Amino acid sequence: MQNQNTANQMRLEMGRSEFGGNFNNMDFFWYRAPSFVINSTLPAVTNNIQIDASADFLWIATTYQASIVADGVVLGAILTEATNVIPLVNLQIADTGSGKFMSNAPIPLASFAGDGKNPYRLVKPRIFGKNATIGLNWTPFVVAGTNYRIDFVMHGYKVYN
C-alpha cells in the first residue's frame, strides 16, 4: 500500500493527469543523428540534428553505437558486450541558432557518450529551442584502414509551451 501511495503522490507532484506519458507538458524524446561512416582518409564529417518546430528539446543524456565497416559491409553481427567498439573520433557539438559550442575544441566521443545501457548523463540539462539545428562536427584520430559506422543519439524531453 505504501508503494501505491508513493506512486500516486509522485503523479500528483509531477502534474500528470492521465497515463499518456506527458509530464507538465513534457514527453520523452530521442533525436538521432544520421548514420555515417568515417575513417582516416576523411578529414571531417559534419551532420545535423534538426529540432522539431512544435517543442523545445531538453537534452539530458547521450549514447552512440559504433561498428567496424570492412569492404563496404557493416560487421555489426560480431558486436557483443565484450567487443563493443569505442570509435577513435572527436566530436564538437554546436547550437547553430545561438552560435554556441558545447566545448572549446572537439573531444573524444567516449568522453561524453556511452552505450545504450550506460548513457552519458549531462551534469546539467541543456535546452535547444524550437527549430534549432544542432551541428555535429566529427574528426577521426584513427589508424589508417579503419572505417567506423557511427550512430549518435541525444536523449531528453520535448518541452511544449
C-alpha atoms as a PDB file:
ATOM      1  CA  MET A   1       0.000   0.000   0.000  1.00  0.00           C
ATOM      2  CA  GLN A   2       2.891   2.329   0.807  1.00  0.00           C
ATOM      3  CA  ASN A   3       4.305   1.960  -2.720  1.00  0.00           C
ATOM      4  CA  GLN A   4       0.908   2.736  -4.264  1.00  0.00           C
ATOM      5  CA  ASN A   5       0.576   5.877  -2.147  1.00  0.00           C
ATOM      6  CA  THR A   6       4.093   6.967  -3.108  1.00  0.00           C
ATOM      7  CA  ALA A   7       3.366   6.454  -6.827  1.00  0.00           C
ATOM      8  CA  ASN A   8       0.113   8.394  -6.560  1.00  0.00           C
ATOM      9  CA  GLN A   9       1.874  11.240  -4.746  1.00  0.00           C
ATOM     10  CA  MET A  10       4.555  11.360  -7.445  1.00  0.00           C
ATOM     11  CA  ARG A  11       1.876  11.586 -10.153  1.00  0.00           C
ATOM     12  CA  LEU A  12       0.263  14.499  -8.363  1.00  0.00           C
ATOM     13  CA  GLU A  13       3.551  16.315  -7.822  1.00  0.00           C
ATOM     14  CA  MET A  14       4.561  15.888 -11.458  1.00  0.00           C
ATOM     15  CA  GLY A  15       1.247  17.206 -12.702  1.00  0.00           C
ATOM     16  CA  ARG A  16       0.368  14.001 -14.510  1.00  0.00           C
ATOM     17  CA  SER A  17      -3.366  13.890 -15.110  1.00  0.00           C
ATOM     18  CA  GLU A  18      -3.525  10.770 -17.300  1.00  0.00           C
ATOM     19  CA  PHE A  19      -1.345   7.815 -18.288  1.00  0.00           C
ATOM     20  CA  GLY A  20      -0.285   9.315 -21.606  1.00  0.00           C
ATOM     21  CA  GLY A  21       3.345   9.975 -20.645  1.00  0.00           C
ATOM     22  CA  ASN A  22       3.049  13.767 -20.706  1.00  0.00           C
ATOM     23  CA  PHE A  23       4.544  15.318 -17.560  1.00  0.00           C
ATOM     24  CA  ASN A  24       3.986  19.059 -17.192  1.00  0.00           C
ATOM     25  CA  ASN A  25       3.924  19.487 -20.978  1.00  0.00           C
ATOM     26  CA  MET A  26       6.984  17.279 -21.448  1.00  0.00           C
ATOM     27  CA  ASP A  27       7.399  13.983 -23.334  1.00  0.00           C
ATOM     28  CA  PHE A  28      10.392  11.661 -23.563  1.00  0.00           C
ATOM     29  CA  PHE A  29      12.111  12.022 -26.922  1.00  0.00           C
ATOM     30  CA  TRP A  30      15.276  10.865 -28.681  1.00  0.00           C
ATOM     31  CA  TYR A  31      16.974  12.691 -31.525  1.00  0.00           C
ATOM     32  CA  ARG A  32      19.184  10.506 -33.714  1.00  0.00           C
ATOM     33  CA  ALA A  33      21.809  11.969 -35.998  1.00  0.00           C
ATOM     34  CA  PRO A  34      22.072  10.479 -39.493  1.00  0.00           C
ATOM     35  CA  SER A  35      24.368   7.434 -39.519  1.00  0.00           C
ATOM     36  CA  PHE A  36      27.671   7.871 -41.302  1.00  0.00           C
ATOM     37  CA  VAL A  37      30.999   6.182 -41.983  1.00  0.00           C
ATOM     38  CA  ILE A  38      34.250   7.872 -41.011  1.00  0.00           C
ATOM     39  CA  ASN A  39      37.873   6.821 -41.477  1.00  0.00           C
ATOM     40  CA  SER A  40      41.415   8.207 -41.560  1.00  0.00           C
ATOM     41  CA  THR A  41      41.078   9.462 -45.141  1.00  0.00           C
ATOM     42  CA  LEU A  42      38.119  11.735 -44.329  1.00  0.00           C
ATOM     43  CA  PRO A  43      39.390  14.912 -42.692  1.00  0.00           C
ATOM     44  CA  ALA A  44      35.982  15.574 -41.090  1.00  0.00           C
ATOM     45  CA  VAL A  45      32.298  14.744 -41.278  1.00  0.00           C
ATOM     46  CA  THR A  46      29.533  17.187 -40.408  1.00  0.00           C
ATOM     47  CA  ASN A  47      25.924  16.285 -39.819  1.00  0.00           C
ATOM     48  CA  ASN A  48      22.987  17.979 -38.148  1.00  0.00           C
ATOM     49  CA  ILE A  49      20.026  17.272 -35.940  1.00  0.00           C
ATOM     50  CA  GLN A  50      17.011  19.484 -36.638  1.00  0.00           C
ATOM     51  CA  ILE A  51      14.860  20.210 -33.577  1.00  0.00           C
ATOM     52  CA  ASP A  52      11.134  19.980 -34.214  1.00  0.00           C
ATOM     53  CA  ALA A  53       9.088  23.174 -34.573  1.00  0.00           C
ATOM     54  CA  SER A  54       6.492  22.032 -32.027  1.00  0.00           C
ATOM     55  CA  ALA A  55       8.680  21.980 -28.910  1.00  0.00           C
ATOM     56  CA  ASP A  56      11.989  22.875 -27.300  1.00  0.00           C
ATOM     57  CA  PHE A  57      14.349  19.960 -26.597  1.00  0.00           C
ATOM     58  CA  LEU A  58      15.780  19.361 -23.114  1.00  0.00           C
ATOM     59  CA  TRP A  59      18.946  17.285 -23.675  1.00  0.00           C
ATOM     60  CA  ILE A  60      19.811  15.051 -20.691  1.00  0.00           C
ATOM     61  CA  ALA A  61      21.942  12.140 -21.965  1.00  0.00           C
ATOM     62  CA  THR A  62      23.927  10.891 -24.950  1.00  0.00           C
ATOM     63  CA  THR A  63      24.608   7.453 -26.436  1.00  0.00           C
ATOM     64  CA  TYR A  64      26.333   6.056 -29.501  1.00  0.00           C
ATOM     65  CA  GLN A  65      26.703   2.753 -31.295  1.00  0.00           C
ATOM     66  CA  ALA A  66      29.696   2.129 -33.491  1.00  0.00           C
ATOM     67  CA  SER A  67      30.647  -0.763 -35.695  1.00  0.00           C
ATOM     68  CA  ILE A  68      33.551  -1.587 -37.951  1.00  0.00           C
ATOM     69  CA  VAL A  69      32.942  -1.443 -41.704  1.00  0.00           C
ATOM     70  CA  ALA A  70      35.028  -3.684 -43.953  1.00  0.00           C
ATOM     71  CA  ASP A  71      34.735  -3.694 -47.748  1.00  0.00           C
ATOM     72  CA  GLY A  72      31.507  -1.700 -47.508  1.00  0.00           C
ATOM     73  CA  VAL A  73      29.866  -4.224 -45.155  1.00  0.00           C
ATOM     74  CA  VAL A  74      28.939  -3.326 -41.578  1.00  0.00           C
ATOM     75  CA  LEU A  75      30.328  -6.017 -39.297  1.00  0.00           C
ATOM     76  CA  GLY A  76      27.626  -5.483 -36.664  1.00  0.00           C
ATOM     77  CA  ALA A  77      26.975  -9.196 -36.279  1.00  0.00           C
ATOM     78  CA  ILE A  78      30.239  -9.604 -34.390  1.00  0.00           C
ATOM     79  CA  LEU A  79      29.326  -6.986 -31.782  1.00  0.00           C
ATOM     80  CA  THR A  80      28.859  -8.278 -28.262  1.00  0.00           C
ATOM     81  CA  GLU A  81      29.151  -6.579 -24.922  1.00  0.00           C
ATOM     82  CA  ALA A  82      32.799  -7.656 -24.768  1.00  0.00           C
ATOM     83  CA  THR A  83      33.581  -6.462 -28.315  1.00  0.00           C
ATOM     84  CA  ASN A  84      31.654  -3.181 -28.293  1.00  0.00           C
ATOM     85  CA  VAL A  85      33.535  -0.710 -30.479  1.00  0.00           C
ATOM     86  CA  ILE A  86      34.845   2.520 -28.966  1.00  0.00           C
ATOM     87  CA  PRO A  87      35.453   4.693 -32.033  1.00  0.00           C
ATOM     88  CA  LEU A  88      38.536   6.872 -32.174  1.00  0.00           C
ATOM     89  CA  VAL A  89      36.757  10.048 -33.211  1.00  0.00           C
ATOM     90  CA  ASN A  90      36.433  13.525 -31.763  1.00  0.00           C
ATOM     91  CA  LEU A  91      33.183  15.445 -31.742  1.00  0.00           C
ATOM     92  CA  GLN A  92      32.303  19.090 -31.314  1.00  0.00           C
ATOM     93  CA  ILE A  93      28.635  19.986 -30.815  1.00  0.00           C
ATOM     94  CA  ALA A  94      27.275  23.410 -31.745  1.00  0.00           C
ATOM     95  CA  ASP A  95      23.918  25.088 -31.283  1.00  0.00           C
ATOM     96  CA  THR A  96      23.937  26.773 -34.655  1.00  0.00           C
ATOM     97  CA  GLY A  97      20.986  29.001 -33.728  1.00  0.00           C
ATOM     98  CA  SER A  98      22.830  30.668 -30.856  1.00  0.00           C
ATOM     99  CA  GLY A  99      26.311  30.124 -32.277  1.00  0.00           C
ATOM    100  CA  LYS A 100      27.406  28.416 -29.036  1.00  0.00           C
ATOM    101  CA  PHE A 101      29.732  25.437 -28.961  1.00  0.00           C
ATOM    102  CA  MET A 102      29.431  22.823 -26.191  1.00  0.00           C
ATOM    103  CA  SER A 103      33.230  22.563 -25.878  1.00  0.00           C
ATOM    104  CA  ASN A 104      36.251  24.695 -26.736  1.00  0.00           C
ATOM    105  CA  ALA A 105      37.531  22.038 -29.157  1.00  0.00           C
ATOM    106  CA  PRO A 106      36.477  18.620 -30.471  1.00  0.00           C
ATOM    107  CA  ILE A 107      36.740  15.969 -27.728  1.00  0.00           C
ATOM    108  CA  PRO A 108      36.774  12.145 -27.843  1.00  0.00           C
ATOM    109  CA  LEU A 109      33.287  10.716 -28.296  1.00  0.00           C
ATOM    110  CA  ALA A 110      33.701   8.322 -25.365  1.00  0.00           C
ATOM    111  CA  SER A 111      34.210  11.359 -23.088  1.00  0.00           C
ATOM    112  CA  PHE A 112      30.535  12.316 -23.300  1.00  0.00           C
ATOM    113  CA  ALA A 113      28.566   9.462 -24.843  1.00  0.00           C
ATOM    114  CA  GLY A 114      28.033   5.919 -23.628  1.00  0.00           C
ATOM    115  CA  ASP A 115      26.387   2.777 -24.908  1.00  0.00           C
ATOM    116  CA  GLY A 116      22.665   2.168 -24.587  1.00  0.00           C
ATOM    117  CA  LYS A 117      22.957   0.597 -21.151  1.00  0.00           C
ATOM    118  CA  ASN A 118      25.224   3.320 -19.824  1.00  0.00           C
ATOM    119  CA  PRO A 119      24.306   6.627 -21.431  1.00  0.00           C
ATOM    120  CA  TYR A 120      26.400   9.641 -20.531  1.00  0.00           C
ATOM    121  CA  ARG A 121      24.155  11.830 -18.389  1.00  0.00           C
ATOM    122  CA  LEU A 122      24.768  15.550 -18.529  1.00  0.00           C
ATOM    123  CA  VAL A 123      25.547  17.234 -15.223  1.00  0.00           C
ATOM    124  CA  LYS A 124      23.125  19.989 -16.179  1.00  0.00           C
ATOM    125  CA  PRO A 125      20.498  19.527 -18.921  1.00  0.00           C
ATOM    126  CA  ARG A 126      20.769  21.760 -21.979  1.00  0.00           C
ATOM    127  CA  ILE A 127      17.790  23.281 -23.796  1.00  0.00           C
ATOM    128  CA  PHE A 128      17.732  23.684 -27.563  1.00  0.00           C
ATOM    129  CA  GLY A 129      14.951  25.943 -28.831  1.00  0.00           C
ATOM    130  CA  LYS A 130      12.274  25.077 -31.355  1.00  0.00           C
ATOM    131  CA  ASN A 131      13.635  24.808 -34.897  1.00  0.00           C
ATOM    132  CA  ALA A 132      17.229  24.836 -33.636  1.00  0.00           C
ATOM    133  CA  THR A 133      19.876  22.983 -35.597  1.00  0.00           C
ATOM    134  CA  ILE A 134      22.459  21.025 -33.637  1.00  0.00           C
ATOM    135  CA  GLY A 135      25.694  20.815 -35.603  1.00  0.00           C
ATOM    136  CA  LEU A 136      27.875  17.740 -35.099  1.00  0.00           C
ATOM    137  CA  ASN A 137      31.460  18.091 -36.329  1.00  0.00           C
ATOM    138  CA  TRP A 138      33.352  14.785 -36.326  1.00  0.00           C
ATOM    139  CA  THR A 139      37.111  14.333 -36.803  1.00  0.00           C
ATOM    140  CA  PRO A 140      38.836  10.925 -36.752  1.00  0.00           C
ATOM    141  CA  PHE A 141      42.076  10.105 -34.995  1.00  0.00           C
ATOM    142  CA  VAL A 142      42.005   6.506 -36.132  1.00  0.00           C
ATOM    143  CA  VAL A 143      44.792   4.480 -37.733  1.00  0.00           C
ATOM    144  CA  ALA A 144      44.716   4.110 -41.496  1.00  0.00           C
ATOM    145  CA  GLY A 145      42.407   1.444 -42.819  1.00  0.00           C
ATOM    146  CA  THR A 146      39.797   1.515 -40.036  1.00  0.00           C
ATOM    147  CA  ASN A 147      36.271   2.511 -41.008  1.00  0.00           C
ATOM    148  CA  TYR A 148      33.629   3.188 -38.374  1.00  0.00           C
ATOM    149  CA  ARG A 149      29.869   3.422 -38.842  1.00  0.00           C
ATOM    150  CA  ILE A 150      28.523   5.643 -36.074  1.00  0.00           C
ATOM    151  CA  ASP A 151      25.003   6.182 -34.774  1.00  0.00           C
ATOM    152  CA  PHE A 152      24.619   9.068 -32.290  1.00  0.00           C
ATOM    153  CA  VAL A 153      21.556   9.709 -30.108  1.00  0.00           C
ATOM    154  CA  MET A 154      20.626  12.616 -27.857  1.00  0.00           C
ATOM    155  CA  HIS A 155      18.130  11.628 -25.145  1.00  0.00           C
ATOM    156  CA  GLY A 156      15.801  14.071 -23.488  1.00  0.00           C
ATOM    157  CA  TYR A 157      12.368  15.615 -23.450  1.00  0.00           C
ATOM    158  CA  LYS A 158      10.280  17.622 -25.840  1.00  0.00           C
ATOM    159  CA  VAL A 159       9.046  20.623 -23.843  1.00  0.00           C
ATOM    160  CA  TYR A 160       5.761  22.036 -25.116  1.00  0.00           C
ATOM    161  CA  ASN A 161       4.822  25.627 -24.300  1.00  0.00           C
END
